[in-house]
Amino acid sequence: MNLLATDDRNAEQVAYWNGPNGERWRTRQQDQDALLAPVTDALLLRAAPAAGDVAIDVGCGCGATSIELARRVAPGGRVLGIDISAPMLARARERAPAELPLSFIMADVTAYTFEAGAADLLFSRFGVMFFAEPQKSFINMRRALRRRGRLVFACWRDPRSNPWLMLPFEEACRHVPRPAPSAPEEPGPFAFADERRVRGILDGAGFSEVRLEPVDLTFDIAFGRGLDAAVDGMMGMGPTARALEGQPPQIRAAAAQSIRAAFAQYQAGNSVMLPGAIWIACAANP
């Protein structure tokens, strides 16, 4: 692992995304990209990357959003994808077309020394909710933006508004002890669920014209491959995967049966459609 820069307070997240969870995202890259395609489309619509733009993709993961950004800023532009996960960045580099103006680095955006004032766009699909000190992280990221450069990112709204994630988790918890709940502001997928908190972070980091738009989406958690794929997919990601980690086969099998029964009512052909809810945050560098 060759991490160019890191903040010590983010060490736990670095370890997490370079362990089994990072490997799961790498091996499930194709399904994850298909699942999150509605989010990517909504983000790109609002970010409006154009030829000649310089864009930074924060928490770029396996590279889907970086690749799409690079297609849109060519010719004349360039994209930097940045992440802390070696497994996911390896996958991003494998799949990135050589002709695109795209590079990747492994670094923590809280500590990385960006080229000051060079970027037109800071962009992120679920890559900004994992900082120990988010205001510090956004202050550092803002330094990368030119004057009037823009910030656009997606983050999850509250868990109750995201049954695509929480329904299988609740079914799994019928069979395993319920994990201790995270503190509302602890780094994690729902750390930016509170609109007031996000506004406060961005205002405090010096951004202007901050706005958060609630966007409701529907996710095909079966990836168009039927009920079994939905069960397998959701048992291998998010809070359900964490709840079932290390459990014996008989417990996992019982949880799978419960999850399958819950999903069946949402099945439509080879799809299993469940609602989700995100914020799309937009702001400017004054």
C-alpha atoms as a PDB file:
ATOM      1  CA  MET A   1       0.000   0.000   0.000  1.00  0.00           C
ATOM      2  CA  ASN A   2       1.501   3.319  -1.079  1.00  0.00           C
ATOM      3  CA  LEU A   3      -0.613   6.096   0.432  1.00  0.00           C
ATOM      4  CA  LEU A   4       0.751   9.464  -0.671  1.00  0.00           C
ATOM      5  CA  ALA A   5      -0.778  11.453   2.183  1.00  0.00           C
ATOM      6  CA  THR A   6      -3.017  10.722   5.128  1.00  0.00           C
ATOM      7  CA  ASP A   7      -4.432  12.334   8.236  1.00  0.00           C
ATOM      8  CA  ASP A   8      -3.885  10.173  11.322  1.00  0.00           C
ATOM      9  CA  ARG A   9      -7.513  10.564  12.408  1.00  0.00           C
ATOM     10  CA  ASN A  10      -8.625   8.825   9.210  1.00  0.00           C
ATOM     11  CA  ALA A  11      -6.449   5.760   9.860  1.00  0.00           C
ATOM     12  CA  GLU A  12      -9.436   3.580  10.751  1.00  0.00           C
ATOM     13  CA  GLN A  13     -11.097   4.352   7.426  1.00  0.00           C
ATOM     14  CA  VAL A  14      -7.851   3.683   5.547  1.00  0.00           C
ATOM     15  CA  ALA A  15      -7.630   0.259   7.179  1.00  0.00           C
ATOM     16  CA  TYR A  16     -11.314  -0.474   6.518  1.00  0.00           C
ATOM     17  CA  TRP A  17     -11.213   0.345   2.786  1.00  0.00           C
ATOM     18  CA  ASN A  18      -7.983  -1.617   2.308  1.00  0.00           C
ATOM     19  CA  GLY A  19      -9.382  -4.713   3.968  1.00  0.00           C
ATOM     20  CA  PRO A  20     -12.236  -7.065   3.064  1.00  0.00           C
ATOM     21  CA  ASN A  21     -14.671  -4.253   2.340  1.00  0.00           C
ATOM     22  CA  GLY A  22     -12.421  -2.741  -0.320  1.00  0.00           C
ATOM     23  CA  GLU A  23     -11.988  -6.189  -1.847  1.00  0.00           C
ATOM     24  CA  ARG A  24     -15.766  -6.710  -1.902  1.00  0.00           C
ATOM     25  CA  TRP A  25     -16.288  -3.447  -3.762  1.00  0.00           C
ATOM     26  CA  ARG A  26     -13.529  -4.390  -6.219  1.00  0.00           C
ATOM     27  CA  THR A  27     -14.943  -7.817  -6.986  1.00  0.00           C
ATOM     28  CA  ARG A  28     -18.512  -6.482  -7.200  1.00  0.00           C
ATOM     29  CA  GLN A  29     -17.555  -3.433  -9.247  1.00  0.00           C
ATOM     30  CA  GLN A  30     -19.794  -4.205 -12.220  1.00  0.00           C
ATOM     31  CA  ASP A  31     -22.881  -4.741 -10.055  1.00  0.00           C
ATOM     32  CA  GLN A  32     -22.162  -1.664  -7.946  1.00  0.00           C
ATOM     33  CA  ASP A  33     -21.840   0.511 -11.024  1.00  0.00           C
ATOM     34  CA  ALA A  34     -25.132  -0.812 -12.404  1.00  0.00           C
ATOM     35  CA  LEU A  35     -26.867  -0.322  -9.061  1.00  0.00           C
ATOM     36  CA  LEU A  36     -25.647   3.253  -8.622  1.00  0.00           C
ATOM     37  CA  ALA A  37     -26.108   4.343 -12.246  1.00  0.00           C
ATOM     38  CA  PRO A  38     -29.182   6.482 -11.353  1.00  0.00           C
ATOM     39  CA  VAL A  39     -27.046   8.396  -8.839  1.00  0.00           C
ATOM     40  CA  THR A  40     -24.239   8.881 -11.354  1.00  0.00           C
ATOM     41  CA  ASP A  41     -26.690  10.208 -13.942  1.00  0.00           C
ATOM     42  CA  ALA A  42     -28.254  12.647 -11.477  1.00  0.00           C
ATOM     43  CA  LEU A  43     -24.846  13.915 -10.331  1.00  0.00           C
ATOM     44  CA  LEU A  44     -23.481  14.417 -13.834  1.00  0.00           C
ATOM     45  CA  LEU A  45     -26.600  16.321 -14.828  1.00  0.00           C
ATOM     46  CA  ARG A  46     -26.044  18.823 -12.011  1.00  0.00           C
ATOM     47  CA  ALA A  47     -22.250  18.959 -12.269  1.00  0.00           C
ATOM     48  CA  ALA A  48     -22.379  19.593 -16.051  1.00  0.00           C
ATOM     49  CA  PRO A  49     -18.723  18.760 -16.783  1.00  0.00           C
ATOM     50  CA  ALA A  50     -17.646  20.294 -20.078  1.00  0.00           C
ATOM     51  CA  ALA A  51     -14.745  19.980 -22.502  1.00  0.00           C
ATOM     52  CA  GLY A  52     -11.676  21.656 -21.041  1.00  0.00           C
ATOM     53  CA  ASP A  53     -12.695  21.294 -17.392  1.00  0.00           C
ATOM     54  CA  VAL A  54     -10.274  20.067 -14.755  1.00  0.00           C
ATOM     55  CA  ALA A  55     -12.155  17.756 -12.389  1.00  0.00           C
ATOM     56  CA  ILE A  56     -11.248  15.934  -9.167  1.00  0.00           C
ATOM     57  CA  ASP A  57     -13.246  12.802  -8.328  1.00  0.00           C
ATOM     58  CA  VAL A  58     -13.119  12.409  -4.536  1.00  0.00           C
ATOM     59  CA  GLY A  59     -13.468   8.836  -3.307  1.00  0.00           C
ATOM     60  CA  CYS A  60     -13.400   7.614  -6.887  1.00  0.00           C
ATOM     61  CA  GLY A  61     -13.420   3.934  -5.914  1.00  0.00           C
ATOM     62  CA  CYS A  62     -13.287   1.595  -8.895  1.00  0.00           C
ATOM     63  CA  GLY A  63     -13.310   4.489 -11.331  1.00  0.00           C
ATOM     64  CA  ALA A  64     -16.742   4.532 -12.974  1.00  0.00           C
ATOM     65  CA  THR A  65     -17.415   8.193 -12.265  1.00  0.00           C
ATOM     66  CA  SER A  66     -13.848   9.230 -13.082  1.00  0.00           C
ATOM     67  CA  ILE A  67     -14.045   7.523 -16.469  1.00  0.00           C
ATOM     68  CA  GLU A  68     -17.347   9.200 -17.285  1.00  0.00           C
ATOM     69  CA  LEU A  69     -16.041  12.592 -16.188  1.00  0.00           C
ATOM     70  CA  ALA A  70     -12.943  12.138 -18.363  1.00  0.00           C
ATOM     71  CA  ARG A  71     -15.095  11.379 -21.388  1.00  0.00           C
ATOM     72  CA  ARG A  72     -16.955  14.634 -20.842  1.00  0.00           C
ATOM     73  CA  VAL A  73     -14.009  16.944 -20.190  1.00  0.00           C
ATOM     74  CA  ALA A  74     -12.059  15.750 -23.250  1.00  0.00           C
ATOM     75  CA  PRO A  75     -10.628  17.325 -25.268  1.00  0.00           C
ATOM     76  CA  GLY A  76      -8.610  19.812 -23.312  1.00  0.00           C
ATOM     77  CA  GLY A  77      -9.597  18.817 -19.780  1.00  0.00           C
ATOM     78  CA  ARG A  78      -8.333  16.271 -17.307  1.00  0.00           C
ATOM     79  CA  VAL A  79      -9.568  14.255 -14.337  1.00  0.00           C
ATOM     80  CA  LEU A  80      -7.825  13.198 -11.150  1.00  0.00           C
ATOM     81  CA  GLY A  81      -9.410  10.291  -9.293  1.00  0.00           C
ATOM     82  CA  ILE A  82      -8.368  10.095  -5.652  1.00  0.00           C
ATOM     83  CA  ASP A  83      -9.118   7.375  -3.106  1.00  0.00           C
ATOM     84  CA  ILE A  84      -7.639   5.655  -0.050  1.00  0.00           C
ATOM     85  CA  SER A  85      -8.427   2.084  -1.214  1.00  0.00           C
ATOM     86  CA  ALA A  86      -5.633   0.218  -3.010  1.00  0.00           C
ATOM     87  CA  PRO A  87      -7.902  -2.636  -4.207  1.00  0.00           C
ATOM     88  CA  MET A  88     -10.449  -0.273  -5.696  1.00  0.00           C
ATOM     89  CA  LEU A  89      -7.841   1.950  -7.331  1.00  0.00           C
ATOM     90  CA  ALA A  90      -6.213  -1.109  -8.877  1.00  0.00           C
ATOM     91  CA  ARG A  91      -9.544  -1.936 -10.506  1.00  0.00           C
ATOM     92  CA  ALA A  92      -9.969   1.674 -11.632  1.00  0.00           C
ATOM     93  CA  ARG A  93      -6.592   1.642 -13.362  1.00  0.00           C
ATOM     94  CA  GLU A  94      -7.346  -1.704 -15.026  1.00  0.00           C
ATOM     95  CA  ARG A  95     -10.506  -0.443 -16.670  1.00  0.00           C
ATOM     96  CA  ALA A  96      -9.596   3.145 -17.527  1.00  0.00           C
ATOM     97  CA  PRO A  97      -9.253   3.658 -21.320  1.00  0.00           C
ATOM     98  CA  ALA A  98      -5.704   4.730 -22.092  1.00  0.00           C
ATOM     99  CA  GLU A  99      -6.831   7.522 -24.396  1.00  0.00           C
ATOM    100  CA  LEU A 100      -8.745   9.399 -21.705  1.00  0.00           C
ATOM    101  CA  PRO A 101      -7.184  12.354 -19.807  1.00  0.00           C
ATOM    102  CA  LEU A 102      -7.373  10.521 -16.506  1.00  0.00           C
ATOM    103  CA  SER A 103      -5.025   9.676 -13.650  1.00  0.00           C
ATOM    104  CA  PHE A 104      -5.482   8.104 -10.223  1.00  0.00           C
ATOM    105  CA  ILE A 105      -3.691   8.587  -6.928  1.00  0.00           C
ATOM    106  CA  MET A 106      -3.971   6.881  -3.567  1.00  0.00           C
ATOM    107  CA  ALA A 107      -4.198   9.619  -0.960  1.00  0.00           C
ATOM    108  CA  ASP A 108      -6.369  11.050   1.792  1.00  0.00           C
ATOM    109  CA  VAL A 109      -7.934  14.323   0.602  1.00  0.00           C
ATOM    110  CA  THR A 110      -7.719  15.679   4.147  1.00  0.00           C
ATOM    111  CA  ALA A 111      -3.920  15.797   3.906  1.00  0.00           C
ATOM    112  CA  TYR A 112      -3.097  15.714   0.184  1.00  0.00           C
ATOM    113  CA  THR A 113      -1.412  18.818  -1.263  1.00  0.00           C
ATOM    114  CA  PHE A 114      -3.578  19.691  -4.249  1.00  0.00           C
ATOM    115  CA  GLU A 115      -2.471  21.961  -7.046  1.00  0.00           C
ATOM    116  CA  ALA A 116      -3.946  25.207  -5.749  1.00  0.00           C
ATOM    117  CA  GLY A 117      -6.723  26.816  -7.755  1.00  0.00           C
ATOM    118  CA  ALA A 118      -6.402  24.406 -10.673  1.00  0.00           C
ATOM    119  CA  ALA A 119      -9.737  22.568 -10.648  1.00  0.00           C
ATOM    120  CA  ASP A 120     -13.076  23.623 -12.083  1.00  0.00           C
ATOM    121  CA  LEU A 121     -15.017  20.821 -10.378  1.00  0.00           C
ATOM    122  CA  LEU A 122     -14.863  18.800  -7.165  1.00  0.00           C
ATOM    123  CA  PHE A 123     -17.111  15.777  -7.676  1.00  0.00           C
ATOM    124  CA  SER A 124     -17.992  12.809  -5.487  1.00  0.00           C
ATOM    125  CA  ARG A 125     -20.422   9.912  -5.512  1.00  0.00           C
ATOM    126  CA  PHE A 126     -20.609   8.834  -1.857  1.00  0.00           C
ATOM    127  CA  GLY A 127     -16.937   9.540  -1.158  1.00  0.00           C
ATOM    128  CA  VAL A 128     -17.137  12.363   1.383  1.00  0.00           C
ATOM    129  CA  MET A 129     -18.967  10.904   4.401  1.00  0.00           C
ATOM    130  CA  PHE A 130     -15.978   9.124   5.926  1.00  0.00           C
ATOM    131  CA  PHE A 131     -13.770  11.923   7.272  1.00  0.00           C
ATOM    132  CA  ALA A 132     -13.009  12.178  10.987  1.00  0.00           C
ATOM    133  CA  GLU A 133     -12.912  15.982  10.674  1.00  0.00           C
ATOM    134  CA  PRO A 134     -15.025  16.781   7.608  1.00  0.00           C
ATOM    135  CA  GLN A 135     -14.691  20.560   7.803  1.00  0.00           C
ATOM    136  CA  LYS A 136     -10.897  20.233   7.758  1.00  0.00           C
ATOM    137  CA  SER A 137     -11.192  17.918   4.748  1.00  0.00           C
ATOM    138  CA  PHE A 138     -13.411  20.307   2.814  1.00  0.00           C
ATOM    139  CA  ILE A 139     -11.157  23.262   3.604  1.00  0.00           C
ATOM    140  CA  ASN A 140      -8.273  21.356   2.029  1.00  0.00           C
ATOM    141  CA  MET A 141     -10.342  20.299  -0.982  1.00  0.00           C
ATOM    142  CA  ARG A 142     -11.565  23.847  -1.576  1.00  0.00           C
ATOM    143  CA  ARG A 143      -7.956  24.962  -2.042  1.00  0.00           C
ATOM    144  CA  ALA A 144      -7.897  22.865  -5.217  1.00  0.00           C
ATOM    145  CA  LEU A 145     -10.744  24.864  -6.787  1.00  0.00           C
ATOM    146  CA  ARG A 146     -10.291  27.952  -8.886  1.00  0.00           C
ATOM    147  CA  ARG A 147     -12.387  30.992  -7.992  1.00  0.00           C
ATOM    148  CA  ARG A 148     -16.037  30.202  -8.826  1.00  0.00           C
ATOM    149  CA  GLY A 149     -15.161  26.534  -9.168  1.00  0.00           C
ATOM    150  CA  ARG A 150     -17.945  24.202  -8.137  1.00  0.00           C
ATOM    151  CA  LEU A 151     -18.506  21.336  -5.719  1.00  0.00           C
ATOM    152  CA  VAL A 152     -21.087  18.615  -6.460  1.00  0.00           C
ATOM    153  CA  PHE A 153     -21.494  15.438  -4.423  1.00  0.00           C
ATOM    154  CA  ALA A 154     -24.040  12.806  -3.438  1.00  0.00           C
ATOM    155  CA  CYS A 155     -24.585  11.524   0.091  1.00  0.00           C
ATOM    156  CA  TRP A 156     -27.277   9.328   1.612  1.00  0.00           C
ATOM    157  CA  ARG A 157     -30.232  10.743   3.480  1.00  0.00           C
ATOM    158  CA  ASP A 158     -31.457   9.056   6.671  1.00  0.00           C
ATOM    159  CA  PRO A 159     -31.548   5.236   6.928  1.00  0.00           C
ATOM    160  CA  ARG A 160     -35.356   5.088   7.140  1.00  0.00           C
ATOM    161  CA  SER A 161     -35.549   6.682   3.692  1.00  0.00           C
ATOM    162  CA  ASN A 162     -33.271   3.989   2.251  1.00  0.00           C
ATOM    163  CA  PRO A 163     -35.084   0.653   2.527  1.00  0.00           C
ATOM    164  CA  TRP A 164     -32.947  -0.775  -0.276  1.00  0.00           C
ATOM    165  CA  LEU A 165     -30.160  -0.887   2.342  1.00  0.00           C
ATOM    166  CA  MET A 166     -32.092  -1.217   5.575  1.00  0.00           C
ATOM    167  CA  LEU A 167     -34.683  -3.867   4.684  1.00  0.00           C
ATOM    168  CA  PRO A 168     -32.094  -6.653   4.256  1.00  0.00           C
ATOM    169  CA  PHE A 169     -30.254  -5.413   7.347  1.00  0.00           C
ATOM    170  CA  GLU A 170     -33.408  -5.658   9.448  1.00  0.00           C
ATOM    171  CA  GLU A 171     -34.068  -9.174   8.150  1.00  0.00           C
ATOM    172  CA  ALA A 172     -30.489 -10.215   8.930  1.00  0.00           C
ATOM    173  CA  CYS A 173     -30.897  -8.895  12.476  1.00  0.00           C
ATOM    174  CA  ARG A 174     -33.629 -11.488  13.044  1.00  0.00           C
ATOM    175  CA  HIS A 175     -30.806 -14.026  13.132  1.00  0.00           C
ATOM    176  CA  VAL A 176     -27.774 -12.190  14.552  1.00  0.00           C
ATOM    177  CA  PRO A 177     -27.278  -9.695  17.375  1.00  0.00           C
ATOM    178  CA  ARG A 178     -28.028  -6.185  16.215  1.00  0.00           C
ATOM    179  CA  PRO A 179     -24.753  -4.217  15.920  1.00  0.00           C
ATOM    180  CA  ALA A 180     -24.392  -1.219  18.183  1.00  0.00           C
ATOM    181  CA  PRO A 181     -25.691   1.852  16.341  1.00  0.00           C
ATOM    182  CA  SER A 182     -23.179   4.387  15.091  1.00  0.00           C
ATOM    183  CA  ALA A 183     -23.241   7.906  16.461  1.00  0.00           C
ATOM    184  CA  PRO A 184     -25.063  10.202  13.988  1.00  0.00           C
ATOM    185  CA  GLU A 185     -21.878  12.112  13.095  1.00  0.00           C
ATOM    186  CA  GLU A 186     -19.516   9.126  13.118  1.00  0.00           C
ATOM    187  CA  PRO A 187     -17.828   8.558   9.732  1.00  0.00           C
ATOM    188  CA  GLY A 188     -19.948   6.209   7.661  1.00  0.00           C
ATOM    189  CA  PRO A 189     -22.575   6.044   4.926  1.00  0.00           C
ATOM    190  CA  PHE A 190     -25.180   8.093   6.824  1.00  0.00           C
ATOM    191  CA  ALA A 191     -22.849  10.654   8.403  1.00  0.00           C
ATOM    192  CA  PHE A 192     -24.183  13.389   6.091  1.00  0.00           C
ATOM    193  CA  ALA A 193     -27.878  12.542   6.441  1.00  0.00           C
ATOM    194  CA  ASP A 194     -28.566  15.737   8.433  1.00  0.00           C
ATOM    195  CA  GLU A 195     -28.979  18.659   6.035  1.00  0.00           C
ATOM    196  CA  ARG A 196     -28.130  21.231   8.702  1.00  0.00           C
ATOM    197  CA  ARG A 197     -24.891  19.470   9.540  1.00  0.00           C
ATOM    198  CA  VAL A 198     -23.791  19.348   5.892  1.00  0.00           C
ATOM    199  CA  ARG A 199     -24.630  23.018   5.380  1.00  0.00           C
ATOM    200  CA  GLY A 200     -22.662  23.893   8.490  1.00  0.00           C
ATOM    201  CA  ILE A 201     -19.616  21.930   7.320  1.00  0.00           C
ATOM    202  CA  LEU A 202     -19.604  23.521   3.866  1.00  0.00           C
ATOM    203  CA  ASP A 203     -20.270  27.012   5.190  1.00  0.00           C
ATOM    204  CA  GLY A 204     -17.490  26.574   7.734  1.00  0.00           C
ATOM    205  CA  ALA A 205     -15.119  25.366   5.011  1.00  0.00           C
ATOM    206  CA  GLY A 206     -15.664  28.603   3.093  1.00  0.00           C
ATOM    207  CA  PHE A 207     -17.992  27.476   0.330  1.00  0.00           C
ATOM    208  CA  SER A 208     -20.769  29.750  -0.897  1.00  0.00           C
ATOM    209  CA  GLU A 209     -24.151  29.191  -2.556  1.00  0.00           C
ATOM    210  CA  VAL A 210     -24.597  25.944  -0.638  1.00  0.00           C
ATOM    211  CA  ARG A 211     -27.722  24.020  -1.532  1.00  0.00           C
ATOM    212  CA  LEU A 212     -28.866  20.482  -0.849  1.00  0.00           C
ATOM    213  CA  GLU A 213     -31.441  18.930  -3.132  1.00  0.00           C
ATOM    214  CA  PRO A 214     -33.355  15.856  -1.943  1.00  0.00           C
ATOM    215  CA  VAL A 215     -33.513  13.260  -4.705  1.00  0.00           C
ATOM    216  CA  ASP A 216     -35.633  10.111  -4.468  1.00  0.00           C
ATOM    217  CA  LEU A 217     -34.555   7.131  -6.558  1.00  0.00           C
ATOM    218  CA  THR A 218     -35.423   3.497  -7.119  1.00  0.00           C
ATOM    219  CA  PHE A 219     -32.660   0.899  -7.184  1.00  0.00           C
ATOM    220  CA  ASP A 220     -32.744  -2.480  -8.891  1.00  0.00           C
ATOM    221  CA  ILE A 221     -30.927  -4.460  -6.232  1.00  0.00           C
ATOM    222  CA  ALA A 222     -31.129  -7.582  -8.445  1.00  0.00           C
ATOM    223  CA  PHE A 223     -29.128  -5.923 -11.248  1.00  0.00           C
ATOM    224  CA  GLY A 224     -31.670  -7.380 -13.689  1.00  0.00           C
ATOM    225  CA  ARG A 225     -30.704 -10.950 -12.742  1.00  0.00           C
ATOM    226  CA  GLY A 226     -33.523 -12.044 -10.448  1.00  0.00           C
ATOM    227  CA  LEU A 227     -34.248 -12.644  -6.789  1.00  0.00           C
ATOM    228  CA  ASP A 228     -31.192 -14.793  -6.019  1.00  0.00           C
ATOM    229  CA  ALA A 229     -28.874 -12.082  -7.323  1.00  0.00           C
ATOM    230  CA  ALA A 230     -30.625  -9.520  -5.108  1.00  0.00           C
ATOM    231  CA  VAL A 231     -30.128 -11.656  -2.006  1.00  0.00           C
ATOM    232  CA  ASP A 232     -26.498 -12.434  -2.807  1.00  0.00           C
ATOM    233  CA  GLY A 233     -25.725  -8.824  -3.664  1.00  0.00           C
ATOM    234  CA  MET A 234     -27.205  -7.283  -0.545  1.00  0.00           C
ATOM    235  CA  MET A 235     -25.656  -9.892   1.756  1.00  0.00           C
ATOM    236  CA  GLY A 236     -22.282  -8.856   0.393  1.00  0.00           C
ATOM    237  CA  MET A 237     -22.454  -5.100   0.904  1.00  0.00           C
ATOM    238  CA  GLY A 238     -23.311  -2.363   3.364  1.00  0.00           C
ATOM    239  CA  PRO A 239     -24.728  -2.865   6.851  1.00  0.00           C
ATOM    240  CA  THR A 240     -26.058  -6.339   6.028  1.00  0.00           C
ATOM    241  CA  ALA A 241     -22.594  -7.606   5.122  1.00  0.00           C
ATOM    242  CA  ARG A 242     -21.164  -6.150   8.322  1.00  0.00           C
ATOM    243  CA  ALA A 243     -23.916  -7.697  10.446  1.00  0.00           C
ATOM    244  CA  LEU A 244     -23.328 -11.158   8.933  1.00  0.00           C
ATOM    245  CA  GLU A 245     -19.544 -11.040   8.852  1.00  0.00           C
ATOM    246  CA  GLY A 246     -18.026 -14.113  10.492  1.00  0.00           C
ATOM    247  CA  GLN A 247     -21.366 -15.865  11.017  1.00  0.00           C
ATOM    248  CA  PRO A 248     -21.548 -19.650  10.439  1.00  0.00           C
ATOM    249  CA  PRO A 249     -23.136 -21.017   7.256  1.00  0.00           C
ATOM    250  CA  GLN A 250     -26.394 -22.042   8.935  1.00  0.00           C
ATOM    251  CA  ILE A 251     -26.974 -18.526  10.271  1.00  0.00           C
ATOM    252  CA  ARG A 252     -26.168 -16.980   6.902  1.00  0.00           C
ATOM    253  CA  ALA A 253     -28.538 -19.409   5.221  1.00  0.00           C
ATOM    254  CA  ALA A 254     -31.368 -18.529   7.616  1.00  0.00           C
ATOM    255  CA  ALA A 255     -30.743 -14.820   7.079  1.00  0.00           C
ATOM    256  CA  ALA A 256     -30.748 -15.331   3.308  1.00  0.00           C
ATOM    257  CA  GLN A 257     -34.120 -17.053   3.516  1.00  0.00           C
ATOM    258  CA  SER A 258     -35.614 -14.141   5.463  1.00  0.00           C
ATOM    259  CA  ILE A 259     -34.123 -11.573   3.093  1.00  0.00           C
ATOM    260  CA  ARG A 260     -35.402 -13.479   0.077  1.00  0.00           C
ATOM    261  CA  ALA A 261     -38.952 -13.551   1.489  1.00  0.00           C
ATOM    262  CA  ALA A 262     -38.832  -9.797   2.161  1.00  0.00           C
ATOM    263  CA  PHE A 263     -37.520  -9.054  -1.335  1.00  0.00           C
ATOM    264  CA  ALA A 264     -40.104 -11.212  -3.086  1.00  0.00           C
ATOM    265  CA  GLN A 265     -42.842  -8.614  -2.664  1.00  0.00           C
ATOM    266  CA  TYR A 266     -40.727  -6.098  -4.601  1.00  0.00           C
ATOM    267  CA  GLN A 267     -39.881  -8.416  -7.473  1.00  0.00           C
ATOM    268  CA  ALA A 268     -40.879  -7.400 -10.997  1.00  0.00           C
ATOM    269  CA  GLY A 269     -39.608  -9.893 -13.527  1.00  0.00           C
ATOM    270  CA  ASN A 270     -35.846 -10.125 -13.095  1.00  0.00           C
ATOM    271  CA  SER A 271     -35.695  -6.884 -11.123  1.00  0.00           C
ATOM    272  CA  VAL A 272     -36.172  -6.194  -7.420  1.00  0.00           C
ATOM    273  CA  MET A 273     -36.969  -2.510  -7.086  1.00  0.00           C
ATOM    274  CA  LEU A 274     -36.574  -0.706  -3.757  1.00  0.00           C
ATOM    275  CA  PRO A 275     -36.557   3.019  -2.962  1.00  0.00           C
ATOM    276  CA  GLY A 276     -33.584   5.061  -1.857  1.00  0.00           C
ATOM    277  CA  ALA A 277     -32.984   8.686  -0.970  1.00  0.00           C
ATOM    278  CA  ILE A 278     -29.963  10.931  -1.425  1.00  0.00           C
ATOM    279  CA  TRP A 279     -28.888  14.526  -1.087  1.00  0.00           C
ATOM    280  CA  ILE A 280     -27.138  16.169  -3.992  1.00  0.00           C
ATOM    281  CA  ALA A 281     -25.067  18.976  -2.557  1.00  0.00           C
ATOM    282  CA  CYS A 282     -23.866  21.839  -4.741  1.00  0.00           C
ATOM    283  CA  ALA A 283     -21.683  24.753  -3.730  1.00  0.00           C
ATOM    284  CA  ALA A 284     -19.178  27.230  -5.155  1.00  0.00           C
ATOM    285  CA  ASN A 285     -15.735  28.518  -4.253  1.00  0.00           C
ATOM    286  CA  PRO A 286     -16.297  32.263  -3.829  1.00  0.00           C
END
